[in-house]
Amino acid sequence: MFSVIEYVDNLCCLGLQIEQSNLQILDAAICFYEMVSRLFERYAVPCLVLPSSGIVYRALGSGTGMAISRVCSTLCRSFKAIQDISTYNFPPEYGRHIGQVVRVQERRLQDYVLGIGGALWTLETFGGQGPNGAAIFHNFPASALDAAHLDEPEMALALTRHSALHEYKMAFCEQLKISSRTKSVEKVFTRKPKYEQLYLEFLRDSGLEGLHWFNQLFIRTD
């Protein structure tokens, strides 16, 4: 099972490199890992593998908010699977190996949480530069960054600046009767933290529930 997942992952990453982060290939890759993240929940198959960085970071740098949301949902679902597998009573001959696999995936998940959280939330968007703010760019594939055409990637991937979320931001600002200019939105969100949560709820209600779920699970502290 693990070999099959690794093989499909390699195919997806190769296709994304050759086709310059083609959205159809990205959609297929995310769809595959959505199924992988549900293996234990639906079929009690203790096989959990997170997507490689080439898939996660290309989704984050893509031009579609749905890809970002779906990757966030997959990571949240994987977190739940890690918890469920870790507490399941497996036979001793399997438990040790499964535990090793889970620990590897748990460390990978932690890296993704720091990276995505840093890119979307802590890069001078909601409260300023965080200590792990630029963590994502340590492992962000150069080809993915080039394909995203980001002049200031540290800022451009923030929730209030990401091009994939621009239409959502405009609609949200129109709904609240506030200026949709990026700097104006950032000032409002910084001075009135409640707007961050309102924005995330707006994204959830607009079909991007993965961003709201990710925030509730990994970012929000209150």
N, C-alpha and C. Protein backbone atom coordinates (compact mmCIF):
# COMPACT_ATOMS: atom_id res chain seq x y z
N MET A 1 0.82 -1.21 0.00
CA MET A 1 0.00 0.00 0.00
C MET A 1 0.86 1.26 0.00
N PHE A 2 1.87 1.28 0.88
CA PHE A 2 2.74 2.46 0.96
C PHE A 2 3.49 2.67 -0.36
N SER A 3 3.89 1.59 -0.98
CA SER A 3 4.62 1.69 -2.25
C SER A 3 3.73 2.25 -3.35
N VAL A 4 2.47 1.85 -3.34
CA VAL A 4 1.52 2.36 -4.34
C VAL A 4 1.31 3.86 -4.16
N ILE A 5 1.14 4.29 -2.90
CA ILE A 5 0.94 5.71 -2.62
C ILE A 5 2.17 6.51 -3.04
N GLU A 6 3.35 6.00 -2.72
CA GLU A 6 4.58 6.69 -3.11
C GLU A 6 4.71 6.78 -4.63
N TYR A 7 4.32 5.72 -5.32
CA TYR A 7 4.39 5.70 -6.79
C TYR A 7 3.45 6.76 -7.39
N VAL A 8 2.22 6.81 -6.89
CA VAL A 8 1.26 7.80 -7.38
C VAL A 8 1.74 9.21 -7.07
N ASP A 9 2.29 9.40 -5.88
CA ASP A 9 2.81 10.72 -5.49
C ASP A 9 3.91 11.16 -6.45
N ASN A 10 4.82 10.26 -6.77
CA ASN A 10 5.91 10.58 -7.70
C ASN A 10 5.38 10.94 -9.08
N LEU A 11 4.37 10.20 -9.53
CA LEU A 11 3.75 10.50 -10.83
C LEU A 11 3.12 11.90 -10.83
N CYS A 12 2.43 12.21 -9.74
CA CYS A 12 1.78 13.52 -9.65
C CYS A 12 2.81 14.64 -9.65
N CYS A 13 3.85 14.48 -8.86
CA CYS A 13 4.88 15.51 -8.77
C CYS A 13 5.59 15.69 -10.11
N LEU A 14 5.85 14.59 -10.79
CA LEU A 14 6.49 14.67 -12.10
C LEU A 14 5.59 15.40 -13.09
N GLY A 15 4.29 15.04 -13.08
CA GLY A 15 3.35 15.71 -13.97
C GLY A 15 3.23 17.19 -13.68
N LEU A 16 3.25 17.57 -12.39
CA LEU A 16 3.15 18.98 -12.02
C LEU A 16 4.39 19.76 -12.45
N GLN A 17 5.54 19.11 -12.41
CA GLN A 17 6.77 19.77 -12.85
C GLN A 17 6.77 19.95 -14.36
N ILE A 18 6.42 18.90 -15.08
CA ILE A 18 6.45 18.95 -16.55
C ILE A 18 5.39 19.91 -17.08
N GLU A 19 4.21 19.87 -16.50
CA GLU A 19 3.08 20.67 -16.99
C GLU A 19 2.91 21.99 -16.24
N GLN A 20 3.94 22.41 -15.52
CA GLN A 20 3.96 23.71 -14.86
C GLN A 20 2.74 23.90 -13.94
N SER A 21 2.61 22.98 -13.00
CA SER A 21 1.55 23.05 -11.97
C SER A 21 0.15 23.08 -12.57
N ASN A 22 -0.07 22.25 -13.58
CA ASN A 22 -1.38 22.14 -14.23
C ASN A 22 -2.46 21.85 -13.19
N LEU A 23 -3.56 22.60 -13.23
CA LEU A 23 -4.60 22.48 -12.21
C LEU A 23 -5.34 21.14 -12.25
N GLN A 24 -5.46 20.54 -13.43
CA GLN A 24 -6.14 19.24 -13.52
C GLN A 24 -5.31 18.16 -12.83
N ILE A 25 -3.99 18.22 -13.01
CA ILE A 25 -3.12 17.25 -12.33
C ILE A 25 -3.13 17.50 -10.83
N LEU A 26 -3.11 18.77 -10.45
CA LEU A 26 -3.16 19.12 -9.03
C LEU A 26 -4.46 18.63 -8.41
N ASP A 27 -5.57 18.79 -9.13
CA ASP A 27 -6.87 18.32 -8.64
C ASP A 27 -6.86 16.81 -8.43
N ALA A 28 -6.27 16.08 -9.37
CA ALA A 28 -6.21 14.62 -9.26
C ALA A 28 -5.34 14.21 -8.06
N ALA A 29 -4.23 14.92 -7.86
CA ALA A 29 -3.34 14.61 -6.74
C ALA A 29 -4.04 14.84 -5.40
N ILE A 30 -4.74 15.96 -5.28
CA ILE A 30 -5.45 16.25 -4.03
C ILE A 30 -6.57 15.24 -3.81
N CYS A 31 -7.29 14.90 -4.86
CA CYS A 31 -8.36 13.91 -4.77
C CYS A 31 -7.83 12.57 -4.26
N PHE A 32 -6.66 12.18 -4.76
CA PHE A 32 -6.05 10.92 -4.33
C PHE A 32 -5.75 10.95 -2.83
N TYR A 33 -5.16 12.05 -2.36
CA TYR A 33 -4.81 12.12 -0.95
C TYR A 33 -6.02 12.35 -0.04
N GLU A 34 -7.08 12.88 -0.59
CA GLU A 34 -8.32 12.95 0.18
C GLU A 34 -8.80 11.53 0.50
N MET A 35 -8.66 10.62 -0.46
CA MET A 35 -9.04 9.23 -0.23
C MET A 35 -8.08 8.55 0.74
N VAL A 36 -6.78 8.83 0.60
CA VAL A 36 -5.78 8.23 1.49
C VAL A 36 -6.04 8.65 2.94
N SER A 37 -6.39 9.92 3.15
CA SER A 37 -6.60 10.42 4.51
C SER A 37 -7.82 9.79 5.18
N ARG A 38 -8.69 9.14 4.38
CA ARG A 38 -9.91 8.54 4.92
C ARG A 38 -9.80 7.02 5.07
N LEU A 39 -8.67 6.44 4.74
CA LEU A 39 -8.54 4.99 4.74
C LEU A 39 -8.83 4.38 6.11
N PHE A 40 -8.29 4.99 7.16
CA PHE A 40 -8.51 4.41 8.48
C PHE A 40 -9.93 4.68 8.98
N GLU A 41 -10.42 5.88 8.72
CA GLU A 41 -11.77 6.25 9.17
C GLU A 41 -12.83 5.36 8.54
N ARG A 42 -12.69 5.06 7.25
CA ARG A 42 -13.74 4.32 6.54
C ARG A 42 -13.52 2.82 6.52
N TYR A 43 -12.25 2.40 6.46
CA TYR A 43 -11.98 0.98 6.24
C TYR A 43 -11.07 0.37 7.31
N ALA A 44 -10.70 1.14 8.33
CA ALA A 44 -9.81 0.67 9.39
C ALA A 44 -8.48 0.17 8.84
N VAL A 45 -8.04 0.78 7.74
CA VAL A 45 -6.73 0.45 7.15
C VAL A 45 -5.70 1.43 7.73
N PRO A 46 -4.76 0.95 8.54
CA PRO A 46 -3.81 1.85 9.21
C PRO A 46 -2.68 2.31 8.28
N CYS A 47 -3.08 2.91 7.20
CA CYS A 47 -2.10 3.37 6.21
C CYS A 47 -2.31 4.87 6.01
N LEU A 48 -1.41 5.66 6.52
CA LEU A 48 -1.53 7.11 6.41
C LEU A 48 -0.23 7.69 5.85
N VAL A 49 -0.34 8.35 4.72
CA VAL A 49 0.80 9.04 4.10
C VAL A 49 0.32 10.42 3.68
N LEU A 50 1.04 11.45 4.10
CA LEU A 50 0.69 12.81 3.69
C LEU A 50 1.28 13.10 2.32
N PRO A 51 0.66 13.99 1.55
CA PRO A 51 1.21 14.36 0.25
C PRO A 51 2.58 14.99 0.40
N SER A 52 3.40 14.84 -0.61
CA SER A 52 4.74 15.42 -0.57
C SER A 52 4.66 16.93 -0.68
N SER A 53 5.76 17.59 -0.36
CA SER A 53 5.77 19.06 -0.37
C SER A 53 5.50 19.63 -1.75
N GLY A 54 5.88 18.90 -2.79
CA GLY A 54 5.64 19.38 -4.15
C GLY A 54 4.16 19.55 -4.45
N ILE A 55 3.31 18.74 -3.83
CA ILE A 55 1.86 18.84 -4.02
C ILE A 55 1.26 19.90 -3.09
N VAL A 56 1.65 19.86 -1.82
CA VAL A 56 1.08 20.79 -0.83
C VAL A 56 1.41 22.23 -1.19
N TYR A 57 2.66 22.51 -1.50
CA TYR A 57 3.07 23.89 -1.74
C TYR A 57 2.61 24.40 -3.10
N ARG A 58 2.47 23.50 -4.05
CA ARG A 58 1.90 23.94 -5.33
C ARG A 58 0.42 24.31 -5.17
N ALA A 59 -0.26 23.56 -4.32
CA ALA A 59 -1.66 23.91 -4.04
C ALA A 59 -1.75 25.26 -3.36
N LEU A 60 -0.84 25.50 -2.41
CA LEU A 60 -0.84 26.76 -1.69
C LEU A 60 -0.52 27.94 -2.61
N GLY A 61 0.32 27.72 -3.61
CA GLY A 61 0.68 28.79 -4.52
C GLY A 61 -0.16 28.84 -5.77
N SER A 62 -1.21 28.01 -5.82
CA SER A 62 -2.04 27.95 -7.02
C SER A 62 -2.98 29.14 -7.10
N GLY A 63 -3.66 29.26 -8.22
CA GLY A 63 -4.57 30.37 -8.42
C GLY A 63 -6.00 30.06 -8.05
N THR A 64 -6.22 29.00 -7.32
CA THR A 64 -7.59 28.62 -6.95
C THR A 64 -7.69 28.39 -5.44
N GLY A 65 -8.63 29.08 -4.82
CA GLY A 65 -8.84 28.94 -3.39
C GLY A 65 -9.31 27.55 -3.00
N MET A 66 -10.01 26.87 -3.91
CA MET A 66 -10.51 25.53 -3.61
C MET A 66 -9.36 24.55 -3.39
N ALA A 67 -8.28 24.67 -4.16
CA ALA A 67 -7.13 23.79 -3.98
C ALA A 67 -6.50 24.01 -2.61
N ILE A 68 -6.37 25.26 -2.21
CA ILE A 68 -5.82 25.57 -0.89
C ILE A 68 -6.70 24.98 0.20
N SER A 69 -8.00 25.19 0.07
CA SER A 69 -8.93 24.69 1.06
C SER A 69 -8.91 23.17 1.16
N ARG A 70 -8.87 22.50 0.03
CA ARG A 70 -8.89 21.04 0.03
C ARG A 70 -7.62 20.46 0.65
N VAL A 71 -6.49 21.08 0.41
CA VAL A 71 -5.25 20.62 1.03
C VAL A 71 -5.32 20.81 2.54
N CYS A 72 -5.84 21.96 2.97
CA CYS A 72 -6.00 22.20 4.40
C CYS A 72 -6.92 21.16 5.03
N SER A 73 -8.01 20.83 4.36
CA SER A 73 -8.94 19.81 4.86
C SER A 73 -8.26 18.45 4.95
N THR A 74 -7.46 18.12 3.95
CA THR A 74 -6.75 16.84 3.94
C THR A 74 -5.78 16.75 5.11
N LEU A 75 -5.09 17.84 5.41
CA LEU A 75 -4.16 17.85 6.54
C LEU A 75 -4.90 17.74 7.86
N CYS A 76 -6.04 18.40 7.97
CA CYS A 76 -6.85 18.29 9.19
C CYS A 76 -7.36 16.87 9.39
N ARG A 77 -7.82 16.27 8.30
CA ARG A 77 -8.32 14.90 8.37
C ARG A 77 -7.18 13.93 8.69
N SER A 78 -6.00 14.21 8.18
CA SER A 78 -4.83 13.38 8.48
C SER A 78 -4.45 13.49 9.95
N PHE A 79 -4.59 14.68 10.51
CA PHE A 79 -4.32 14.87 11.94
C PHE A 79 -5.25 13.99 12.78
N LYS A 80 -6.52 13.98 12.40
CA LYS A 80 -7.49 13.13 13.12
C LYS A 80 -7.13 11.66 12.96
N ALA A 81 -6.71 11.27 11.75
CA ALA A 81 -6.32 9.87 11.51
C ALA A 81 -5.10 9.49 12.36
N ILE A 82 -4.15 10.41 12.48
CA ILE A 82 -2.97 10.15 13.31
C ILE A 82 -3.39 9.89 14.76
N GLN A 83 -4.29 10.71 15.26
CA GLN A 83 -4.77 10.52 16.62
C GLN A 83 -5.49 9.17 16.78
N ASP A 84 -6.34 8.83 15.83
CA ASP A 84 -7.11 7.59 15.91
C ASP A 84 -6.20 6.36 15.81
N ILE A 85 -5.25 6.41 14.89
CA ILE A 85 -4.33 5.27 14.72
C ILE A 85 -3.45 5.11 15.94
N SER A 86 -3.03 6.24 16.52
CA SER A 86 -2.12 6.20 17.68
C SER A 86 -2.78 5.56 18.90
N THR A 87 -4.09 5.67 18.99
CA THR A 87 -4.79 5.14 20.17
C THR A 87 -5.45 3.78 19.91
N TYR A 88 -5.30 3.27 18.69
CA TYR A 88 -5.92 1.98 18.33
C TYR A 88 -5.06 0.84 18.88
N ASN A 89 -5.71 -0.22 19.33
CA ASN A 89 -5.01 -1.35 19.93
C ASN A 89 -4.67 -2.38 18.85
N PHE A 90 -3.51 -2.20 18.19
CA PHE A 90 -3.08 -3.13 17.16
C PHE A 90 -2.35 -4.31 17.79
N PRO A 91 -2.32 -5.47 17.10
CA PRO A 91 -1.51 -6.60 17.57
C PRO A 91 -0.04 -6.18 17.67
N PRO A 92 0.69 -6.70 18.64
CA PRO A 92 2.08 -6.29 18.87
C PRO A 92 2.97 -6.39 17.63
N GLU A 93 2.73 -7.42 16.79
CA GLU A 93 3.60 -7.61 15.63
C GLU A 93 3.43 -6.50 14.59
N TYR A 94 2.32 -5.78 14.66
CA TYR A 94 2.08 -4.67 13.73
C TYR A 94 2.23 -3.29 14.37
N GLY A 95 1.94 -3.24 15.67
CA GLY A 95 1.89 -1.96 16.35
C GLY A 95 3.17 -1.16 16.28
N ARG A 96 4.32 -1.83 16.42
CA ARG A 96 5.60 -1.10 16.42
C ARG A 96 5.86 -0.45 15.07
N HIS A 97 5.65 -1.19 14.00
CA HIS A 97 5.89 -0.65 12.66
C HIS A 97 4.93 0.49 12.36
N ILE A 98 3.67 0.30 12.68
CA ILE A 98 2.67 1.33 12.43
C ILE A 98 3.00 2.59 13.23
N GLY A 99 3.46 2.41 14.47
CA GLY A 99 3.84 3.56 15.29
C GLY A 99 4.97 4.35 14.67
N GLN A 100 5.94 3.67 14.08
CA GLN A 100 7.06 4.35 13.43
C GLN A 100 6.58 5.16 12.23
N VAL A 101 5.70 4.57 11.45
CA VAL A 101 5.16 5.26 10.27
C VAL A 101 4.37 6.51 10.69
N VAL A 102 3.57 6.35 11.73
CA VAL A 102 2.76 7.48 12.20
C VAL A 102 3.64 8.62 12.68
N ARG A 103 4.71 8.31 13.38
CA ARG A 103 5.60 9.36 13.88
C ARG A 103 6.26 10.14 12.74
N VAL A 104 6.61 9.44 11.68
CA VAL A 104 7.20 10.12 10.51
C VAL A 104 6.19 11.07 9.89
N GLN A 105 4.96 10.61 9.73
CA GLN A 105 3.92 11.45 9.13
C GLN A 105 3.53 12.60 10.06
N GLU A 106 3.61 12.37 11.36
CA GLU A 106 3.30 13.43 12.32
C GLU A 106 4.31 14.57 12.22
N ARG A 107 5.59 14.23 12.04
CA ARG A 107 6.62 15.26 11.88
C ARG A 107 6.41 16.03 10.58
N ARG A 108 6.01 15.33 9.53
CA ARG A 108 5.75 16.01 8.26
C ARG A 108 4.55 16.94 8.39
N LEU A 109 3.53 16.49 9.11
CA LEU A 109 2.36 17.34 9.32
C LEU A 109 2.73 18.60 10.09
N GLN A 110 3.58 18.48 11.09
CA GLN A 110 4.02 19.64 11.86
C GLN A 110 4.72 20.66 10.96
N ASP A 111 5.54 20.18 10.03
CA ASP A 111 6.22 21.08 9.09
C ASP A 111 5.21 21.82 8.23
N TYR A 112 4.19 21.10 7.76
CA TYR A 112 3.17 21.72 6.90
C TYR A 112 2.35 22.75 7.68
N VAL A 113 2.03 22.43 8.93
CA VAL A 113 1.25 23.36 9.74
C VAL A 113 2.03 24.65 9.95
N LEU A 114 3.33 24.54 10.25
CA LEU A 114 4.16 25.72 10.42
C LEU A 114 4.25 26.50 9.11
N GLY A 115 4.42 25.79 8.02
CA GLY A 115 4.56 26.45 6.73
C GLY A 115 3.30 27.16 6.27
N ILE A 116 2.20 26.43 6.28
CA ILE A 116 0.94 27.01 5.81
C ILE A 116 0.45 28.08 6.78
N GLY A 117 0.58 27.81 8.08
CA GLY A 117 0.19 28.82 9.06
C GLY A 117 1.02 30.07 8.92
N GLY A 118 2.32 29.91 8.67
CA GLY A 118 3.18 31.06 8.49
C GLY A 118 2.83 31.85 7.25
N ALA A 119 2.53 31.15 6.18
CA ALA A 119 2.24 31.82 4.91
C ALA A 119 0.90 32.55 4.95
N LEU A 120 -0.13 31.89 5.45
CA LEU A 120 -1.48 32.45 5.39
C LEU A 120 -1.81 33.38 6.55
N TRP A 121 -1.24 33.11 7.73
CA TRP A 121 -1.70 33.83 8.91
C TRP A 121 -0.68 34.78 9.54
N THR A 122 0.58 34.44 9.63
CA THR A 122 1.48 35.22 10.49
C THR A 122 2.44 36.14 9.75
N LEU A 123 2.31 36.26 8.44
CA LEU A 123 3.21 37.14 7.70
C LEU A 123 2.61 38.55 7.60
N GLU A 124 2.62 39.26 8.72
CA GLU A 124 2.17 40.65 8.80
C GLU A 124 0.70 40.82 8.38
N THR A 125 -0.06 39.75 8.51
CA THR A 125 -1.47 39.83 8.12
C THR A 125 -2.35 39.90 9.36
N PHE A 126 -2.28 38.90 10.20
CA PHE A 126 -3.08 38.89 11.43
C PHE A 126 -2.15 38.91 12.64
N GLY A 127 -1.57 40.05 12.92
CA GLY A 127 -0.79 40.18 14.14
C GLY A 127 0.71 40.27 13.94
N GLY A 128 1.19 40.36 12.72
CA GLY A 128 2.61 40.58 12.50
C GLY A 128 3.40 39.32 12.25
N GLN A 129 4.70 39.50 12.06
CA GLN A 129 5.63 38.41 11.73
C GLN A 129 5.78 37.47 12.90
N GLY A 130 5.49 36.20 12.69
CA GLY A 130 5.64 35.21 13.75
C GLY A 130 7.03 34.60 13.73
N PRO A 131 7.44 33.90 14.80
CA PRO A 131 8.78 33.32 14.86
C PRO A 131 9.04 32.28 13.78
N ASN A 132 7.97 31.62 13.31
CA ASN A 132 8.11 30.62 12.25
C ASN A 132 7.49 31.11 10.95
N GLY A 133 7.36 32.40 10.81
CA GLY A 133 6.63 32.99 9.70
C GLY A 133 7.08 32.54 8.34
N ALA A 134 8.38 32.45 8.11
CA ALA A 134 8.88 32.13 6.78
C ALA A 134 9.27 30.66 6.64
N ALA A 135 8.80 29.82 7.55
CA ALA A 135 9.22 28.42 7.54
C ALA A 135 8.90 27.72 6.23
N ILE A 136 7.79 28.11 5.62
CA ILE A 136 7.37 27.43 4.40
C ILE A 136 8.39 27.57 3.28
N PHE A 137 9.09 28.69 3.23
CA PHE A 137 9.97 28.94 2.10
C PHE A 137 11.30 28.21 2.20
N HIS A 138 11.53 27.54 3.31
CA HIS A 138 12.72 26.71 3.42
C HIS A 138 12.60 25.48 2.52
N ASN A 139 11.37 25.02 2.33
CA ASN A 139 11.14 23.80 1.56
C ASN A 139 10.25 24.02 0.35
N PHE A 140 9.91 25.26 0.06
CA PHE A 140 9.01 25.54 -1.06
C PHE A 140 9.75 25.28 -2.36
N PRO A 141 9.25 24.36 -3.22
CA PRO A 141 9.94 24.05 -4.47
C PRO A 141 10.09 25.29 -5.34
N ALA A 142 11.29 25.54 -5.83
CA ALA A 142 11.55 26.73 -6.64
C ALA A 142 10.64 26.77 -7.87
N SER A 143 10.39 25.61 -8.48
CA SER A 143 9.55 25.57 -9.67
C SER A 143 8.12 25.95 -9.35
N ALA A 144 7.66 25.58 -8.14
CA ALA A 144 6.30 25.95 -7.73
C ALA A 144 6.20 27.45 -7.49
N LEU A 145 7.26 28.02 -6.92
CA LEU A 145 7.28 29.45 -6.67
C LEU A 145 7.28 30.22 -7.98
N ASP A 146 8.05 29.74 -8.95
CA ASP A 146 8.09 30.39 -10.27
C ASP A 146 6.73 30.31 -10.95
N ALA A 147 6.08 29.14 -10.83
CA ALA A 147 4.79 28.95 -11.49
C ALA A 147 3.71 29.85 -10.90
N ALA A 148 3.87 30.21 -9.62
CA ALA A 148 2.87 31.04 -8.96
C ALA A 148 3.03 32.52 -9.31
N HIS A 149 4.18 32.90 -9.89
CA HIS A 149 4.42 34.29 -10.32
C HIS A 149 4.23 35.26 -9.15
N LEU A 150 4.89 34.99 -8.03
CA LEU A 150 4.76 35.84 -6.85
C LEU A 150 5.98 36.74 -6.72
N ASP A 151 5.76 38.05 -6.74
CA ASP A 151 6.87 38.99 -6.60
C ASP A 151 7.34 39.06 -5.15
N GLU A 152 6.40 39.05 -4.20
CA GLU A 152 6.73 39.07 -2.78
C GLU A 152 6.04 37.88 -2.13
N PRO A 153 6.62 36.68 -2.26
CA PRO A 153 5.92 35.48 -1.81
C PRO A 153 5.55 35.49 -0.34
N GLU A 154 6.41 36.07 0.53
CA GLU A 154 6.10 36.07 1.95
C GLU A 154 4.80 36.81 2.23
N MET A 155 4.54 37.88 1.46
CA MET A 155 3.33 38.64 1.66
C MET A 155 2.19 38.16 0.75
N ALA A 156 2.56 37.75 -0.45
CA ALA A 156 1.53 37.42 -1.45
C ALA A 156 0.69 36.20 -1.08
N LEU A 157 1.19 35.35 -0.20
CA LEU A 157 0.43 34.16 0.17
C LEU A 157 -0.44 34.38 1.40
N ALA A 158 -0.42 35.58 1.96
CA ALA A 158 -1.26 35.86 3.12
C ALA A 158 -2.73 35.87 2.73
N LEU A 159 -3.59 35.61 3.70
CA LEU A 159 -5.03 35.50 3.43
C LEU A 159 -5.60 36.76 2.76
N THR A 160 -5.11 37.92 3.16
CA THR A 160 -5.66 39.16 2.60
C THR A 160 -4.99 39.58 1.31
N ARG A 161 -3.97 38.84 0.86
CA ARG A 161 -3.26 39.22 -0.36
C ARG A 161 -3.24 38.14 -1.43
N HIS A 162 -3.56 36.93 -1.05
CA HIS A 162 -3.46 35.81 -1.98
C HIS A 162 -4.39 36.04 -3.18
N SER A 163 -3.83 35.94 -4.38
CA SER A 163 -4.62 36.19 -5.59
C SER A 163 -5.78 35.21 -5.73
N ALA A 164 -5.61 33.99 -5.22
CA ALA A 164 -6.67 32.99 -5.32
C ALA A 164 -7.88 33.33 -4.46
N LEU A 165 -7.68 34.22 -3.47
CA LEU A 165 -8.75 34.58 -2.55
C LEU A 165 -9.25 36.00 -2.79
N HIS A 166 -8.78 36.63 -3.85
CA HIS A 166 -9.10 38.04 -4.09
C HIS A 166 -10.61 38.27 -4.21
N GLU A 167 -11.30 37.45 -4.99
CA GLU A 167 -12.74 37.64 -5.17
C GLU A 167 -13.50 37.45 -3.86
N TYR A 168 -13.03 36.53 -3.03
CA TYR A 168 -13.68 36.31 -1.74
C TYR A 168 -13.47 37.52 -0.84
N LYS A 169 -12.25 38.08 -0.87
CA LYS A 169 -11.97 39.26 -0.06
C LYS A 169 -12.84 40.43 -0.49
N MET A 170 -12.99 40.61 -1.80
CA MET A 170 -13.81 41.70 -2.32
C MET A 170 -15.26 41.55 -1.86
N ALA A 171 -15.79 40.33 -1.95
CA ALA A 171 -17.17 40.09 -1.55
C ALA A 171 -17.36 40.29 -0.05
N PHE A 172 -16.38 39.87 0.72
CA PHE A 172 -16.45 40.03 2.18
C PHE A 172 -16.45 41.51 2.56
N CYS A 173 -15.56 42.28 1.94
CA CYS A 173 -15.48 43.71 2.23
C CYS A 173 -16.76 44.43 1.82
N GLU A 174 -17.32 44.02 0.70
CA GLU A 174 -18.57 44.62 0.25
C GLU A 174 -19.69 44.32 1.23
N GLN A 175 -19.69 43.11 1.76
CA GLN A 175 -20.73 42.72 2.71
C GLN A 175 -20.64 43.54 3.99
N LEU A 176 -19.40 43.86 4.44
CA LEU A 176 -19.22 44.61 5.67
C LEU A 176 -19.07 46.11 5.46
N LYS A 177 -19.13 46.53 4.20
CA LYS A 177 -19.04 47.95 3.86
C LYS A 177 -17.70 48.56 4.30
N ILE A 178 -16.61 47.82 4.05
CA ILE A 178 -15.29 48.36 4.34
C ILE A 178 -14.48 48.38 3.06
N SER A 179 -13.41 49.17 3.05
CA SER A 179 -12.58 49.30 1.87
C SER A 179 -11.93 47.96 1.53
N SER A 180 -11.87 47.63 0.25
CA SER A 180 -11.28 46.36 -0.17
C SER A 180 -9.81 46.49 -0.51
N ARG A 181 -9.23 47.68 -0.34
CA ARG A 181 -7.80 47.85 -0.58
C ARG A 181 -7.03 46.99 0.41
N THR A 182 -5.99 46.32 -0.09
CA THR A 182 -5.27 45.34 0.73
C THR A 182 -4.78 45.93 2.04
N LYS A 183 -4.12 47.10 2.00
CA LYS A 183 -3.59 47.69 3.22
C LYS A 183 -4.71 48.08 4.18
N SER A 184 -5.81 48.54 3.62
CA SER A 184 -6.94 48.90 4.48
C SER A 184 -7.52 47.68 5.18
N VAL A 185 -7.64 46.59 4.44
CA VAL A 185 -8.16 45.35 5.03
C VAL A 185 -7.24 44.86 6.14
N GLU A 186 -5.93 44.89 5.90
CA GLU A 186 -4.97 44.42 6.90
C GLU A 186 -5.05 45.26 8.17
N LYS A 187 -5.23 46.58 8.02
CA LYS A 187 -5.35 47.44 9.20
C LYS A 187 -6.61 47.11 9.98
N VAL A 188 -7.72 46.90 9.28
CA VAL A 188 -8.97 46.56 9.95
C VAL A 188 -8.84 45.24 10.70
N PHE A 189 -8.22 44.25 10.05
CA PHE A 189 -8.09 42.94 10.67
C PHE A 189 -7.16 42.99 11.87
N THR A 190 -6.13 43.83 11.81
CA THR A 190 -5.18 43.94 12.92
C THR A 190 -5.81 44.64 14.11
N ARG A 191 -6.56 45.70 13.84
CA ARG A 191 -7.17 46.47 14.92
C ARG A 191 -8.39 45.77 15.50
N LYS A 192 -9.10 45.04 14.69
CA LYS A 192 -10.30 44.35 15.14
C LYS A 192 -10.20 42.86 14.80
N PRO A 193 -9.55 42.09 15.70
CA PRO A 193 -9.32 40.67 15.43
C PRO A 193 -10.58 39.88 15.09
N LYS A 194 -11.75 40.37 15.53
CA LYS A 194 -12.98 39.63 15.25
C LYS A 194 -13.21 39.50 13.75
N TYR A 195 -12.68 40.44 12.96
CA TYR A 195 -12.87 40.38 11.52
C TYR A 195 -12.15 39.19 10.89
N GLU A 196 -11.05 38.76 11.51
CA GLU A 196 -10.35 37.57 11.02
C GLU A 196 -11.28 36.37 11.07
N GLN A 197 -11.94 36.19 12.21
CA GLN A 197 -12.85 35.06 12.36
C GLN A 197 -14.06 35.20 11.45
N LEU A 198 -14.57 36.42 11.31
CA LEU A 198 -15.69 36.65 10.41
C LEU A 198 -15.31 36.31 8.97
N TYR A 199 -14.10 36.67 8.59
CA TYR A 199 -13.62 36.39 7.24
C TYR A 199 -13.50 34.88 7.01
N LEU A 200 -12.97 34.18 8.00
CA LEU A 200 -12.82 32.73 7.88
C LEU A 200 -14.19 32.05 7.83
N GLU A 201 -15.14 32.56 8.58
CA GLU A 201 -16.50 32.02 8.52
C GLU A 201 -17.12 32.30 7.16
N PHE A 202 -16.80 33.47 6.61
CA PHE A 202 -17.29 33.81 5.28
C PHE A 202 -16.70 32.86 4.24
N LEU A 203 -15.42 32.56 4.36
CA LEU A 203 -14.78 31.61 3.44
C LEU A 203 -15.39 30.22 3.58
N ARG A 204 -15.65 29.83 4.82
CA ARG A 204 -16.29 28.52 5.05
C ARG A 204 -17.66 28.45 4.39
N ASP A 205 -18.44 29.49 4.57
CA ASP A 205 -19.79 29.52 4.00
C ASP A 205 -19.75 29.64 2.48
N SER A 206 -18.60 30.07 1.95
CA SER A 206 -18.45 30.19 0.50
C SER A 206 -17.87 28.92 -0.13
N GLY A 207 -17.71 27.88 0.68
CA GLY A 207 -17.23 26.59 0.17
C GLY A 207 -15.79 26.28 0.48
N LEU A 208 -15.07 27.19 1.14
CA LEU A 208 -13.67 26.96 1.49
C LEU A 208 -13.55 26.59 2.96
N GLU A 209 -14.28 25.55 3.35
CA GLU A 209 -14.32 25.18 4.76
C GLU A 209 -12.97 24.69 5.29
N GLY A 210 -12.08 24.25 4.39
CA GLY A 210 -10.78 23.76 4.82
C GLY A 210 -9.95 24.82 5.52
N LEU A 211 -10.03 26.06 5.06
CA LEU A 211 -9.29 27.15 5.69
C LEU A 211 -9.81 27.42 7.10
N HIS A 212 -11.12 27.40 7.25
CA HIS A 212 -11.72 27.61 8.57
C HIS A 212 -11.35 26.46 9.50
N TRP A 213 -11.43 25.24 9.02
CA TRP A 213 -11.09 24.05 9.82
C TRP A 213 -9.63 24.10 10.25
N PHE A 214 -8.74 24.44 9.33
CA PHE A 214 -7.31 24.52 9.62
C PHE A 214 -7.06 25.55 10.72
N ASN A 215 -7.72 26.69 10.61
CA ASN A 215 -7.56 27.73 11.63
C ASN A 215 -8.05 27.26 12.99
N GLN A 216 -9.21 26.62 13.03
CA GLN A 216 -9.78 26.14 14.29
C GLN A 216 -8.89 25.09 14.93
N LEU A 217 -8.27 24.26 14.12
CA LEU A 217 -7.51 23.13 14.64
C LEU A 217 -6.08 23.49 15.01
N PHE A 218 -5.44 24.35 14.21
CA PHE A 218 -4.01 24.59 14.40
C PHE A 218 -3.61 26.02 14.75
N ILE A 219 -4.43 27.01 14.41
CA ILE A 219 -4.00 28.40 14.54
C ILE A 219 -4.65 29.12 15.71
N ARG A 220 -5.97 29.04 15.78
CA ARG A 220 -6.71 29.82 16.79
C ARG A 220 -6.35 29.36 18.21
N THR A 221 -6.13 30.31 19.09
CA THR A 221 -5.70 29.99 20.45
C THR A 221 -6.73 30.33 21.52
N ASP A 222 -7.79 31.08 21.17
CA ASP A 222 -8.78 31.46 22.18
C ASP A 222 -9.87 30.41 22.33
